[in-house]
Amino acid sequence: MSKVNVIGAACMDILIYPVDQESFFSGKYKAEHIRMLPGGDALNEALILSHFKADTKLITILGNDLLGHQLLTVLQEGDVSCSDPVLKDDIETYISIVCIDEKGQRTFVGNRNGSVRKLKAEDIRIDDDCEIVSFASLFISESLNDQKLEVLFSEIKRKGKILCVDCSTPKHQEKIWDMRCLKHADYFFCNQQEAESLMDQNDLYEIDKCFHENGVNAIIKCGSNGAFYQNKMYATDPIVPVDTTGAGDSFVAGFITGLLKNETIEECIMDGNRFGAKACAYLGATEWIKYE
């Protein structure tokens, strides 16, 4: 059985770099690079954790199609075990087209009915003896609402697991005081924009206070500034980003790597900063681990 179970999205990324927004739709645009690479919050985390010797299982679904089989091969080569069954005949594997500008910032196009939206509670079976569960894709699945997640998360905690939850952009104007499931999380991760959306607030100190008042132990990923936790900014080394795709997933993987080594929270955050910065130096979410 695996030490870490990672739950959530797996997809194929098609990365286009660099993209000039004004001329992209001219009909004659030529990019320097167009690459097809594995992606998705949970898949990224799982590959990174496994690379750094954590026994890791990915709980996800994919279409029973060419891309789904290719992603399974990537996971097998990365020594990541998978939930069973992973491949579904009635869905198509999600494709994320990532347009990256010269500053490393991104815009996304995806297939609305792709696999990342279709994960259901019945697809999720946690290993009894895993130590850490990482729910990597909050707000992505159409069916996993707060009520269902509260049932899932409370059961995970009842079994004595450490529960990490990572955020994506709220899809239906969800607010932190509506998310009862997050009270069960040991660590909740979100970036600054996601935190502001959850709070209707843009002051980090007030956001941190509101998280605390709602019983959520939150670590806010602040990009090139580092990470904010309990009224303190933990700075990261300065970088010139090539591509920020997957930087937040790398942060969470770094943090969990620290947890597995029984590090302090501060040390885990700095591990997260280090992993996130490394991810920004390469095109693609997990390309950086090839050089580690």
C-alpha atoms as a PDB file:
ATOM      1  CA  MET A   1       0.000   0.000   0.000  1.00  0.00           C
ATOM      2  CA  SER A   2       1.122   3.585  -0.639  1.00  0.00           C
ATOM      3  CA  LYS A   3       2.153   6.193   1.900  1.00  0.00           C
ATOM      4  CA  VAL A   4       0.453   8.986  -0.050  1.00  0.00           C
ATOM      5  CA  ASN A   5      -2.872   8.841  -1.887  1.00  0.00           C
ATOM      6  CA  VAL A   6      -3.351  11.760  -4.292  1.00  0.00           C
ATOM      7  CA  ILE A   7      -6.905  12.418  -5.507  1.00  0.00           C
ATOM      8  CA  GLY A   8      -7.949  14.528  -8.458  1.00  0.00           C
ATOM      9  CA  ALA A   9      -7.239  15.646 -11.983  1.00  0.00           C
ATOM     10  CA  ALA A  10      -5.019  14.025 -14.588  1.00  0.00           C
ATOM     11  CA  CYS A  11      -4.914  15.319 -18.149  1.00  0.00           C
ATOM     12  CA  MET A  12      -2.743  15.967 -21.155  1.00  0.00           C
ATOM     13  CA  ASP A  13      -1.304  19.475 -21.443  1.00  0.00           C
ATOM     14  CA  ILE A  14      -0.616  21.021 -24.840  1.00  0.00           C
ATOM     15  CA  LEU A  15       1.729  23.909 -24.120  1.00  0.00           C
ATOM     16  CA  ILE A  16       2.207  26.754 -26.592  1.00  0.00           C
ATOM     17  CA  TYR A  17       5.091  29.163 -25.931  1.00  0.00           C
ATOM     18  CA  PRO A  18       5.377  32.068 -26.263  1.00  0.00           C
ATOM     19  CA  VAL A  19       1.900  33.377 -27.062  1.00  0.00           C
ATOM     20  CA  ASP A  20       1.325  37.010 -27.941  1.00  0.00           C
ATOM     21  CA  GLN A  21      -2.364  37.581 -27.226  1.00  0.00           C
ATOM     22  CA  GLU A  22      -2.777  40.259 -29.878  1.00  0.00           C
ATOM     23  CA  SER A  23      -1.424  38.247 -32.809  1.00  0.00           C
ATOM     24  CA  PHE A  24      -2.292  34.691 -31.713  1.00  0.00           C
ATOM     25  CA  PHE A  25      -5.502  34.559 -33.769  1.00  0.00           C
ATOM     26  CA  SER A  26      -4.038  36.206 -36.870  1.00  0.00           C
ATOM     27  CA  GLY A  27      -4.151  32.878 -38.711  1.00  0.00           C
ATOM     28  CA  LYS A  28      -0.389  32.888 -39.292  1.00  0.00           C
ATOM     29  CA  TYR A  29       0.990  32.591 -35.766  1.00  0.00           C
ATOM     30  CA  LYS A  30       4.149  30.521 -35.301  1.00  0.00           C
ATOM     31  CA  ALA A  31       5.158  29.600 -31.752  1.00  0.00           C
ATOM     32  CA  GLU A  32       8.703  28.662 -30.755  1.00  0.00           C
ATOM     33  CA  HIS A  33       7.511  25.579 -28.890  1.00  0.00           C
ATOM     34  CA  ILE A  34       4.381  23.406 -28.912  1.00  0.00           C
ATOM     35  CA  ARG A  35       4.678  20.425 -26.594  1.00  0.00           C
ATOM     36  CA  MET A  36       2.339  17.716 -25.356  1.00  0.00           C
ATOM     37  CA  LEU A  37       3.124  16.756 -21.756  1.00  0.00           C
ATOM     38  CA  PRO A  38       1.311  15.123 -18.832  1.00  0.00           C
ATOM     39  CA  GLY A  39      -0.573  17.492 -16.551  1.00  0.00           C
ATOM     40  CA  GLY A  40      -3.364  17.922 -14.020  1.00  0.00           C
ATOM     41  CA  ASP A  41      -3.012  18.883 -10.352  1.00  0.00           C
ATOM     42  CA  ALA A  42      -3.112  15.370  -8.939  1.00  0.00           C
ATOM     43  CA  LEU A  43      -0.994  13.726 -11.633  1.00  0.00           C
ATOM     44  CA  ASN A  44       1.667  16.429 -11.225  1.00  0.00           C
ATOM     45  CA  GLU A  45       1.791  15.967  -7.460  1.00  0.00           C
ATOM     46  CA  ALA A  46       1.928  12.183  -7.751  1.00  0.00           C
ATOM     47  CA  LEU A  47       4.793  12.153 -10.260  1.00  0.00           C
ATOM     48  CA  ILE A  48       6.851  14.574  -8.160  1.00  0.00           C
ATOM     49  CA  LEU A  49       6.231  12.732  -4.889  1.00  0.00           C
ATOM     50  CA  SER A  50       7.160   9.411  -6.471  1.00  0.00           C
ATOM     51  CA  HIS A  51      10.322  10.932  -7.973  1.00  0.00           C
ATOM     52  CA  PHE A  52      11.395  11.917  -4.457  1.00  0.00           C
ATOM     53  CA  LYS A  53      10.864   8.348  -3.204  1.00  0.00           C
ATOM     54  CA  ALA A  54       7.399   8.606  -1.702  1.00  0.00           C
ATOM     55  CA  ASP A  55       5.300   5.490  -2.295  1.00  0.00           C
ATOM     56  CA  THR A  56       2.421   7.156  -4.152  1.00  0.00           C
ATOM     57  CA  LYS A  57      -0.993   6.168  -5.492  1.00  0.00           C
ATOM     58  CA  LEU A  58      -3.032   8.364  -7.842  1.00  0.00           C
ATOM     59  CA  ILE A  59      -6.813   8.220  -7.610  1.00  0.00           C
ATOM     60  CA  THR A  60      -8.230   9.644 -10.822  1.00  0.00           C
ATOM     61  CA  ILE A  61     -10.193   8.753 -13.955  1.00  0.00           C
ATOM     62  CA  LEU A  62      -9.266   8.964 -17.636  1.00  0.00           C
ATOM     63  CA  GLY A  63     -10.995   8.221 -20.913  1.00  0.00           C
ATOM     64  CA  ASN A  64     -10.408   4.833 -22.470  1.00  0.00           C
ATOM     65  CA  ASP A  65      -8.736   6.524 -25.438  1.00  0.00           C
ATOM     66  CA  LEU A  66      -5.286   7.191 -26.865  1.00  0.00           C
ATOM     67  CA  LEU A  67      -4.421   9.954 -24.398  1.00  0.00           C
ATOM     68  CA  GLY A  68      -5.718   7.978 -21.440  1.00  0.00           C
ATOM     69  CA  HIS A  69      -3.457   5.043 -22.315  1.00  0.00           C
ATOM     70  CA  GLN A  70      -0.511   7.386 -22.843  1.00  0.00           C
ATOM     71  CA  LEU A  71      -0.998   8.935 -19.413  1.00  0.00           C
ATOM     72  CA  LEU A  72      -1.189   5.504 -17.796  1.00  0.00           C
ATOM     73  CA  THR A  73       2.165   4.679 -19.389  1.00  0.00           C
ATOM     74  CA  VAL A  74       3.646   7.906 -17.990  1.00  0.00           C
ATOM     75  CA  LEU A  75       2.414   6.987 -14.502  1.00  0.00           C
ATOM     76  CA  GLN A  76       3.768   3.455 -14.746  1.00  0.00           C
ATOM     77  CA  GLU A  77       7.160   4.786 -15.846  1.00  0.00           C
ATOM     78  CA  GLY A  78       7.045   7.234 -12.919  1.00  0.00           C
ATOM     79  CA  ASP A  79       6.373   4.347 -10.498  1.00  0.00           C
ATOM     80  CA  VAL A  80       2.961   5.748  -9.514  1.00  0.00           C
ATOM     81  CA  SER A  81       0.265   3.174  -8.819  1.00  0.00           C
ATOM     82  CA  CYS A  82      -3.322   3.968  -9.827  1.00  0.00           C
ATOM     83  CA  SER A  83      -6.830   3.369  -8.609  1.00  0.00           C
ATOM     84  CA  ASP A  84      -8.754   0.715 -10.512  1.00  0.00           C
ATOM     85  CA  PRO A  85     -10.527   1.108 -12.835  1.00  0.00           C
ATOM     86  CA  VAL A  86      -8.931   4.274 -14.195  1.00  0.00           C
ATOM     87  CA  LEU A  87     -10.076   4.147 -17.830  1.00  0.00           C
ATOM     88  CA  LYS A  88     -13.740   4.896 -18.536  1.00  0.00           C
ATOM     89  CA  ASP A  89     -15.427   4.103 -21.855  1.00  0.00           C
ATOM     90  CA  ASP A  90     -18.040   6.844 -21.616  1.00  0.00           C
ATOM     91  CA  ILE A  91     -15.775   9.883 -21.161  1.00  0.00           C
ATOM     92  CA  GLU A  92     -12.896  11.510 -23.039  1.00  0.00           C
ATOM     93  CA  THR A  93      -9.532  12.293 -21.473  1.00  0.00           C
ATOM     94  CA  TYR A  94      -9.259  15.966 -20.604  1.00  0.00           C
ATOM     95  CA  ILE A  95      -6.966  18.094 -22.753  1.00  0.00           C
ATOM     96  CA  SER A  96      -5.667  21.412 -21.426  1.00  0.00           C
ATOM     97  CA  ILE A  97      -4.318  23.825 -24.035  1.00  0.00           C
ATOM     98  CA  VAL A  98      -1.957  26.144 -22.158  1.00  0.00           C
ATOM     99  CA  CYS A  99      -0.990  29.432 -23.817  1.00  0.00           C
ATOM    100  CA  ILE A 100       2.090  30.860 -22.106  1.00  0.00           C
ATOM    101  CA  ASP A 101       3.307  34.432 -22.569  1.00  0.00           C
ATOM    102  CA  GLU A 102       6.908  35.635 -22.394  1.00  0.00           C
ATOM    103  CA  LYS A 103       6.559  36.298 -18.644  1.00  0.00           C
ATOM    104  CA  GLY A 104       5.530  32.708 -17.977  1.00  0.00           C
ATOM    105  CA  GLN A 105       1.867  33.529 -17.295  1.00  0.00           C
ATOM    106  CA  ARG A 106      -0.859  31.330 -18.762  1.00  0.00           C
ATOM    107  CA  THR A 107      -4.340  31.147 -20.189  1.00  0.00           C
ATOM    108  CA  PHE A 108      -6.184  27.837 -20.594  1.00  0.00           C
ATOM    109  CA  VAL A 109      -8.580  26.154 -22.986  1.00  0.00           C
ATOM    110  CA  GLY A 110     -10.082  22.775 -22.041  1.00  0.00           C
ATOM    111  CA  ASN A 111     -12.803  20.362 -23.144  1.00  0.00           C
ATOM    112  CA  ARG A 112     -15.853  21.105 -20.977  1.00  0.00           C
ATOM    113  CA  ASN A 113     -16.928  17.457 -20.765  1.00  0.00           C
ATOM    114  CA  GLY A 114     -13.471  15.988 -20.242  1.00  0.00           C
ATOM    115  CA  SER A 115     -12.475  13.491 -17.563  1.00  0.00           C
ATOM    116  CA  VAL A 116     -11.271  15.947 -14.894  1.00  0.00           C
ATOM    117  CA  ARG A 117     -14.866  17.156 -14.416  1.00  0.00           C
ATOM    118  CA  LYS A 118     -16.249  13.629 -13.995  1.00  0.00           C
ATOM    119  CA  LEU A 119     -14.557  12.220 -10.872  1.00  0.00           C
ATOM    120  CA  LYS A 120     -17.221  10.976  -8.436  1.00  0.00           C
ATOM    121  CA  ALA A 121     -17.215   9.969  -4.792  1.00  0.00           C
ATOM    122  CA  GLU A 122     -17.609   6.301  -5.743  1.00  0.00           C
ATOM    123  CA  ASP A 123     -14.347   6.506  -7.748  1.00  0.00           C
ATOM    124  CA  ILE A 124     -12.402   7.330  -4.579  1.00  0.00           C
ATOM    125  CA  ARG A 125     -11.118   4.459  -2.449  1.00  0.00           C
ATOM    126  CA  ILE A 126      -8.416   5.340   0.063  1.00  0.00           C
ATOM    127  CA  ASP A 127      -5.746   2.815   1.061  1.00  0.00           C
ATOM    128  CA  ASP A 128      -6.313   1.835   4.694  1.00  0.00           C
ATOM    129  CA  ASP A 129      -2.673   2.148   5.670  1.00  0.00           C
ATOM    130  CA  CYS A 130      -1.631   5.275   3.758  1.00  0.00           C
ATOM    131  CA  GLU A 131      -0.317   8.132   5.909  1.00  0.00           C
ATOM    132  CA  ILE A 132      -1.260  11.205   3.887  1.00  0.00           C
ATOM    133  CA  VAL A 133      -4.198  11.939   1.594  1.00  0.00           C
ATOM    134  CA  SER A 134      -3.849  14.867  -0.791  1.00  0.00           C
ATOM    135  CA  PHE A 135      -7.055  16.079  -2.427  1.00  0.00           C
ATOM    136  CA  ALA A 136      -5.420  18.041  -5.226  1.00  0.00           C
ATOM    137  CA  SER A 137      -8.336  19.435  -7.205  1.00  0.00           C
ATOM    138  CA  LEU A 138     -10.942  21.288  -5.122  1.00  0.00           C
ATOM    139  CA  PHE A 139     -13.738  22.837  -7.257  1.00  0.00           C
ATOM    140  CA  ILE A 140     -12.848  20.866 -10.408  1.00  0.00           C
ATOM    141  CA  SER A 141     -15.231  17.893 -10.325  1.00  0.00           C
ATOM    142  CA  GLU A 142     -18.855  18.725 -11.136  1.00  0.00           C
ATOM    143  CA  SER A 143     -20.275  16.194  -8.674  1.00  0.00           C
ATOM    144  CA  LEU A 144     -17.967  16.608  -5.662  1.00  0.00           C
ATOM    145  CA  ASN A 145     -19.791  19.405  -3.863  1.00  0.00           C
ATOM    146  CA  ASP A 146     -19.169  20.518  -0.285  1.00  0.00           C
ATOM    147  CA  GLN A 147     -21.656  18.029   1.164  1.00  0.00           C
ATOM    148  CA  LYS A 148     -20.030  15.030  -0.529  1.00  0.00           C
ATOM    149  CA  LEU A 149     -16.542  16.262   0.275  1.00  0.00           C
ATOM    150  CA  GLU A 150     -17.431  16.725   3.931  1.00  0.00           C
ATOM    151  CA  VAL A 151     -18.469  13.069   4.072  1.00  0.00           C
ATOM    152  CA  LEU A 152     -15.255  12.008   2.297  1.00  0.00           C
ATOM    153  CA  PHE A 153     -12.937  14.242   4.322  1.00  0.00           C
ATOM    154  CA  SER A 154     -14.496  13.338   7.687  1.00  0.00           C
ATOM    155  CA  GLU A 155     -14.048   9.637   6.850  1.00  0.00           C
ATOM    156  CA  ILE A 156     -10.401  10.249   5.919  1.00  0.00           C
ATOM    157  CA  LYS A 157      -9.824  11.961   9.265  1.00  0.00           C
ATOM    158  CA  ARG A 158     -11.733   9.229  11.131  1.00  0.00           C
ATOM    159  CA  LYS A 159      -9.157   6.798   9.747  1.00  0.00           C
ATOM    160  CA  GLY A 160      -6.342   8.917  11.191  1.00  0.00           C
ATOM    161  CA  LYS A 161      -4.847  10.243   7.943  1.00  0.00           C
ATOM    162  CA  ILE A 162      -3.167  13.602   7.432  1.00  0.00           C
ATOM    163  CA  LEU A 163      -5.395  15.459   4.949  1.00  0.00           C
ATOM    164  CA  CYS A 164      -4.024  18.071   2.545  1.00  0.00           C
ATOM    165  CA  VAL A 165      -6.400  19.936   0.224  1.00  0.00           C
ATOM    166  CA  ASP A 166      -5.299  22.081  -2.720  1.00  0.00           C
ATOM    167  CA  CYS A 167      -7.535  24.609  -4.411  1.00  0.00           C
ATOM    168  CA  SER A 168      -8.411  25.644  -7.929  1.00  0.00           C
ATOM    169  CA  THR A 169     -10.443  28.670  -8.975  1.00  0.00           C
ATOM    170  CA  PRO A 170     -13.924  28.596  -7.377  1.00  0.00           C
ATOM    171  CA  LYS A 171     -16.380  27.829 -10.177  1.00  0.00           C
ATOM    172  CA  HIS A 172     -19.665  28.991  -8.592  1.00  0.00           C
ATOM    173  CA  GLN A 173     -18.611  31.925  -6.382  1.00  0.00           C
ATOM    174  CA  GLU A 174     -18.053  29.630  -3.388  1.00  0.00           C
ATOM    175  CA  LYS A 175     -16.960  31.358  -0.170  1.00  0.00           C
ATOM    176  CA  ILE A 176     -14.842  29.992   2.628  1.00  0.00           C
ATOM    177  CA  TRP A 177     -17.704  30.130   5.140  1.00  0.00           C
ATOM    178  CA  ASP A 178     -19.725  27.841   2.855  1.00  0.00           C
ATOM    179  CA  MET A 179     -16.988  25.175   2.655  1.00  0.00           C
ATOM    180  CA  ARG A 180     -17.630  23.036   5.732  1.00  0.00           C
ATOM    181  CA  CYS A 181     -15.462  20.260   4.309  1.00  0.00           C
ATOM    182  CA  LEU A 182     -12.304  22.321   4.785  1.00  0.00           C
ATOM    183  CA  LYS A 183     -12.585  22.179   8.573  1.00  0.00           C
ATOM    184  CA  HIS A 184     -11.435  18.567   8.274  1.00  0.00           C
ATOM    185  CA  ALA A 185      -8.253  19.470   6.367  1.00  0.00           C
ATOM    186  CA  ASP A 186      -4.970  19.554   8.252  1.00  0.00           C
ATOM    187  CA  TYR A 187      -3.531  21.858   5.556  1.00  0.00           C
ATOM    188  CA  PHE A 188      -5.409  23.852   2.925  1.00  0.00           C
ATOM    189  CA  PHE A 189      -3.451  25.336   0.017  1.00  0.00           C
ATOM    190  CA  CYS A 190      -4.610  28.096  -2.308  1.00  0.00           C
ATOM    191  CA  ASN A 191      -2.912  30.810  -4.306  1.00  0.00           C
ATOM    192  CA  GLN A 192      -3.480  34.466  -3.512  1.00  0.00           C
ATOM    193  CA  GLN A 193      -6.032  35.002  -6.282  1.00  0.00           C
ATOM    194  CA  GLU A 194      -8.036  31.972  -5.141  1.00  0.00           C
ATOM    195  CA  ALA A 195      -7.901  33.176  -1.535  1.00  0.00           C
ATOM    196  CA  GLU A 196      -9.166  36.609  -2.544  1.00  0.00           C
ATOM    197  CA  SER A 197     -12.030  35.013  -4.469  1.00  0.00           C
ATOM    198  CA  LEU A 198     -12.977  32.817  -1.497  1.00  0.00           C
ATOM    199  CA  MET A 199     -13.071  35.861   0.803  1.00  0.00           C
ATOM    200  CA  ASP A 200     -14.034  38.889  -1.311  1.00  0.00           C
ATOM    201  CA  GLN A 201     -10.971  40.364   0.369  1.00  0.00           C
ATOM    202  CA  ASN A 202      -7.482  41.270  -0.870  1.00  0.00           C
ATOM    203  CA  ASP A 203      -5.529  41.954   2.319  1.00  0.00           C
ATOM    204  CA  LEU A 204      -3.428  38.905   3.212  1.00  0.00           C
ATOM    205  CA  TYR A 205      -3.621  39.546   6.944  1.00  0.00           C
ATOM    206  CA  GLU A 206      -7.400  39.844   6.852  1.00  0.00           C
ATOM    207  CA  ILE A 207      -7.624  36.755   4.640  1.00  0.00           C
ATOM    208  CA  ASP A 208      -5.469  34.798   7.089  1.00  0.00           C
ATOM    209  CA  LYS A 209      -7.669  35.981   9.969  1.00  0.00           C
ATOM    210  CA  CYS A 210     -10.820  34.920   8.123  1.00  0.00           C
ATOM    211  CA  PHE A 211      -9.387  31.468   7.402  1.00  0.00           C
ATOM    212  CA  HIS A 212      -8.605  31.080  11.109  1.00  0.00           C
ATOM    213  CA  GLU A 213     -12.077  32.253  12.143  1.00  0.00           C
ATOM    214  CA  ASN A 214     -13.594  29.628   9.846  1.00  0.00           C
ATOM    215  CA  GLY A 215     -11.443  26.821  11.244  1.00  0.00           C
ATOM    216  CA  VAL A 216      -9.238  26.461   8.150  1.00  0.00           C
ATOM    217  CA  ASN A 217      -5.467  26.028   8.473  1.00  0.00           C
ATOM    218  CA  ALA A 218      -4.472  27.750   5.218  1.00  0.00           C
ATOM    219  CA  ILE A 219      -1.158  28.219   3.455  1.00  0.00           C
ATOM    220  CA  ILE A 220      -1.411  30.853   0.722  1.00  0.00           C
ATOM    221  CA  LYS A 221       0.869  30.460  -2.298  1.00  0.00           C
ATOM    222  CA  CYS A 222       1.986  33.936  -3.382  1.00  0.00           C
ATOM    223  CA  GLY A 223       3.991  33.196  -6.511  1.00  0.00           C
ATOM    224  CA  SER A 224       7.360  34.933  -6.685  1.00  0.00           C
ATOM    225  CA  ASN A 225       6.829  36.363  -3.170  1.00  0.00           C
ATOM    226  CA  GLY A 226       6.776  32.922  -1.563  1.00  0.00           C
ATOM    227  CA  ALA A 227       4.058  31.606   0.769  1.00  0.00           C
ATOM    228  CA  PHE A 228       2.016  33.258   3.534  1.00  0.00           C
ATOM    229  CA  TYR A 229       1.175  31.351   6.706  1.00  0.00           C
ATOM    230  CA  GLN A 230      -0.031  32.592  10.087  1.00  0.00           C
ATOM    231  CA  ASN A 231       0.724  36.254   9.427  1.00  0.00           C
ATOM    232  CA  LYS A 232       4.177  35.623   8.005  1.00  0.00           C
ATOM    233  CA  MET A 233       5.545  35.603   4.460  1.00  0.00           C
ATOM    234  CA  TYR A 234       8.054  32.855   3.758  1.00  0.00           C
ATOM    235  CA  ALA A 235      10.126  34.252   0.901  1.00  0.00           C
ATOM    236  CA  THR A 236      11.351  32.199  -2.034  1.00  0.00           C
ATOM    237  CA  ASP A 237      14.492  32.668  -4.090  1.00  0.00           C
ATOM    238  CA  PRO A 238      14.072  35.160  -6.960  1.00  0.00           C
ATOM    239  CA  ILE A 239      13.511  33.554 -10.357  1.00  0.00           C
ATOM    240  CA  VAL A 240      12.817  34.543 -13.942  1.00  0.00           C
ATOM    241  CA  PRO A 241       9.936  32.193 -14.825  1.00  0.00           C
ATOM    242  CA  VAL A 242       9.740  30.362 -18.121  1.00  0.00           C
ATOM    243  CA  ASP A 243       6.397  28.710 -17.367  1.00  0.00           C
ATOM    244  CA  THR A 244       4.399  28.811 -14.127  1.00  0.00           C
ATOM    245  CA  THR A 245       2.300  25.761 -15.094  1.00  0.00           C
ATOM    246  CA  GLY A 246       2.232  23.341 -12.180  1.00  0.00           C
ATOM    247  CA  ALA A 247       4.225  25.560  -9.806  1.00  0.00           C
ATOM    248  CA  GLY A 248       1.492  25.329  -7.180  1.00  0.00           C
ATOM    249  CA  ASP A 249       1.318  21.546  -7.567  1.00  0.00           C
ATOM    250  CA  SER A 250       5.080  21.369  -7.096  1.00  0.00           C
ATOM    251  CA  PHE A 251       4.736  23.515  -3.965  1.00  0.00           C
ATOM    252  CA  VAL A 252       2.254  21.069  -2.447  1.00  0.00           C
ATOM    253  CA  ALA A 253       4.421  18.088  -3.408  1.00  0.00           C
ATOM    254  CA  GLY A 254       7.399  19.763  -1.745  1.00  0.00           C
ATOM    255  CA  PHE A 255       5.369  20.452   1.391  1.00  0.00           C
ATOM    256  CA  ILE A 256       4.185  16.825   1.586  1.00  0.00           C
ATOM    257  CA  THR A 257       7.746  15.606   1.009  1.00  0.00           C
ATOM    258  CA  GLY A 258       8.680  17.599   4.104  1.00  0.00           C
ATOM    259  CA  LEU A 259       5.798  16.106   6.091  1.00  0.00           C
ATOM    260  CA  LEU A 260       7.001  12.613   5.223  1.00  0.00           C
ATOM    261  CA  LYS A 261      10.394  13.559   6.678  1.00  0.00           C
ATOM    262  CA  ASN A 262       8.751  14.853   9.893  1.00  0.00           C
ATOM    263  CA  GLU A 263       9.920  18.393   9.252  1.00  0.00           C
ATOM    264  CA  THR A 264       8.449  21.462  10.945  1.00  0.00           C
ATOM    265  CA  ILE A 265       5.708  23.380   9.125  1.00  0.00           C
ATOM    266  CA  GLU A 266       8.182  26.168   8.381  1.00  0.00           C
ATOM    267  CA  GLU A 267      10.610  23.681   6.818  1.00  0.00           C
ATOM    268  CA  CYS A 268       7.792  22.113   4.791  1.00  0.00           C
ATOM    269  CA  ILE A 269       6.813  25.541   3.459  1.00  0.00           C
ATOM    270  CA  MET A 270      10.383  26.267   2.413  1.00  0.00           C
ATOM    271  CA  ASP A 271      10.544  22.875   0.668  1.00  0.00           C
ATOM    272  CA  GLY A 272       7.361  23.884  -1.127  1.00  0.00           C
ATOM    273  CA  ASN A 273       8.875  27.199  -2.173  1.00  0.00           C
ATOM    274  CA  ARG A 274      11.956  25.442  -3.486  1.00  0.00           C
ATOM    275  CA  PHE A 275       9.986  22.887  -5.514  1.00  0.00           C
ATOM    276  CA  GLY A 276       7.656  25.575  -6.894  1.00  0.00           C
ATOM    277  CA  ALA A 277      10.552  27.753  -8.015  1.00  0.00           C
ATOM    278  CA  LYS A 278      12.228  24.839  -9.778  1.00  0.00           C
ATOM    279  CA  ALA A 279       9.000  24.095 -11.677  1.00  0.00           C
ATOM    280  CA  CYS A 280       8.973  27.613 -13.141  1.00  0.00           C
ATOM    281  CA  ALA A 281      12.346  27.146 -14.825  1.00  0.00           C
ATOM    282  CA  TYR A 282      11.058  24.666 -17.437  1.00  0.00           C
ATOM    283  CA  LEU A 283       8.252  24.405 -19.947  1.00  0.00           C
ATOM    284  CA  GLY A 284       5.765  21.901 -18.523  1.00  0.00           C
ATOM    285  CA  ALA A 285       4.510  21.130 -15.032  1.00  0.00           C
ATOM    286  CA  THR A 286       6.891  18.313 -14.079  1.00  0.00           C
ATOM    287  CA  GLU A 287       9.772  18.651 -16.538  1.00  0.00           C
ATOM    288  CA  TRP A 288      12.009  19.986 -13.757  1.00  0.00           C
ATOM    289  CA  ILE A 289      12.224  16.634 -11.961  1.00  0.00           C
ATOM    290  CA  LYS A 290      14.164  15.190 -14.905  1.00  0.00           C
ATOM    291  CA  TYR A 291      17.104  17.331 -13.760  1.00  0.00           C
ATOM    292  CA  GLU A 292      16.916  16.466 -10.057  1.00  0.00           C
END
